[in-house]
Amino acid sequence: TEKGLHARPASLVAQRAREFQSEVALVLIESPEEITTPPGTRADAKNIMDLMFLAAPCGTQLDVEAVGADAEAAVEAIRDLFADRFGIR
């Protein structure tokens, strides 16, 4: 969204990630503006507070990583949320 990964999108990501058995993480790659979160910071995608602490503004480049039996489906589901802009229009 235009505001970045704030409460509503973070909640949707955590909710979706909890649907999978795999461990799912978002990794901050690069931010379009200066933020206190360093590149490489990982956030547990199932934990809304972890996601909020990324402080990722709109345009931040994130990677989705997952490990487990349903990892591929988990990554795809999280990427789809971002691609759909969390259903916010």
Protein backbone atom coordinates (compact mmCIF):
# COMPACT_ATOMS: atom_id res chain seq x y z
CA THR A 1 0.00 0.00 0.00
CA GLU A 2 1.05 3.63 -0.22
CA LYS A 3 1.78 3.68 3.51
CA GLY A 4 3.90 0.54 3.38
CA LEU A 5 3.65 -2.45 5.66
CA HIS A 6 1.47 -0.88 8.35
CA ALA A 7 -1.01 -2.64 10.65
CA ARG A 8 -3.62 -3.84 8.14
CA PRO A 9 -1.23 -5.31 5.54
CA ALA A 10 0.96 -6.76 8.30
CA SER A 11 -2.11 -8.40 9.82
CA LEU A 12 -3.11 -9.88 6.46
CA VAL A 13 0.41 -11.24 5.86
CA ALA A 14 0.54 -12.82 9.33
CA GLN A 15 -2.93 -14.29 8.91
CA ARG A 16 -2.04 -15.81 5.54
CA ALA A 17 1.36 -17.10 6.74
CA ARG A 18 -0.30 -18.90 9.67
CA GLU A 19 -2.26 -20.99 7.17
CA PHE A 20 0.95 -22.89 6.39
CA GLN A 21 3.05 -25.28 8.44
CA SER A 22 6.27 -23.90 7.00
CA GLU A 23 8.32 -21.21 8.69
CA VAL A 24 7.78 -18.06 6.63
CA ALA A 25 9.89 -14.91 6.81
CA LEU A 26 10.11 -11.54 5.10
CA VAL A 27 13.64 -10.26 4.56
CA LEU A 28 14.30 -6.57 3.99
CA ILE A 29 16.44 -6.15 0.87
CA GLU A 30 16.34 -2.42 0.15
CA SER A 31 14.27 0.61 1.12
CA PRO A 32 13.54 3.60 -1.14
CA GLU A 33 14.10 5.94 1.79
CA GLU A 34 16.34 5.96 4.83
CA ILE A 35 14.95 3.81 7.62
CA THR A 36 16.47 2.44 10.81
CA THR A 37 15.96 -1.19 9.76
CA PRO A 38 19.14 -2.52 8.13
CA PRO A 39 19.08 -4.62 4.96
CA GLY A 40 19.03 -8.33 5.74
CA THR A 41 16.67 -7.93 8.69
CA ARG A 42 14.32 -10.92 8.89
CA ALA A 43 10.78 -10.87 10.25
CA ASP A 44 8.68 -13.88 11.17
CA ALA A 45 5.77 -13.53 8.74
CA LYS A 46 3.44 -15.19 11.24
CA ASN A 47 4.12 -12.49 13.84
CA ILE A 48 2.43 -9.13 13.21
CA MET A 49 4.77 -7.30 15.59
CA ASP A 50 7.84 -8.65 13.78
CA LEU A 51 6.35 -7.40 10.51
CA MET A 52 5.56 -3.97 11.95
CA PHE A 53 9.11 -3.62 13.30
CA LEU A 54 10.45 -3.91 9.76
CA ALA A 55 9.12 -0.35 9.33
CA ALA A 56 8.98 -0.99 5.57
CA PRO A 57 7.65 2.03 3.66
CA CYS A 58 6.00 1.74 0.26
CA GLY A 59 8.55 0.70 -2.33
CA THR A 60 10.66 -1.36 0.05
CA GLN A 61 12.10 -4.44 -1.58
CA LEU A 62 11.34 -7.55 0.47
CA ASP A 63 12.09 -11.19 -0.13
CA VAL A 64 9.74 -13.96 0.99
CA GLU A 65 11.43 -17.08 2.30
CA ALA A 66 9.87 -20.27 3.61
CA VAL A 67 11.17 -23.59 4.90
CA GLY A 68 8.99 -26.66 5.28
CA ALA A 69 6.70 -29.08 3.53
CA ASP A 70 4.42 -26.41 2.06
CA ALA A 71 7.10 -23.73 1.59
CA GLU A 72 6.47 -23.14 -2.11
CA ALA A 73 2.75 -22.61 -1.59
CA ALA A 74 3.42 -20.30 1.38
CA VAL A 75 5.80 -18.09 -0.64
CA GLU A 76 3.32 -17.92 -3.50
CA ALA A 77 0.44 -16.99 -1.18
CA ILE A 78 2.41 -14.15 0.46
CA ARG A 79 3.64 -12.86 -2.89
CA ASP A 80 0.05 -12.90 -4.18
CA LEU A 81 -1.02 -10.71 -1.25
CA PHE A 82 1.60 -8.12 -2.17
CA ALA A 83 0.79 -8.35 -5.89
CA ASP A 84 -2.89 -7.75 -5.10
CA ARG A 85 -1.89 -4.77 -2.90
CA PHE A 86 -3.62 -6.54 0.02
CA GLY A 87 -7.00 -5.97 -1.62
CA ILE A 88 -6.70 -2.23 -0.97
CA ARG A 89 -7.67 -0.07 -3.91
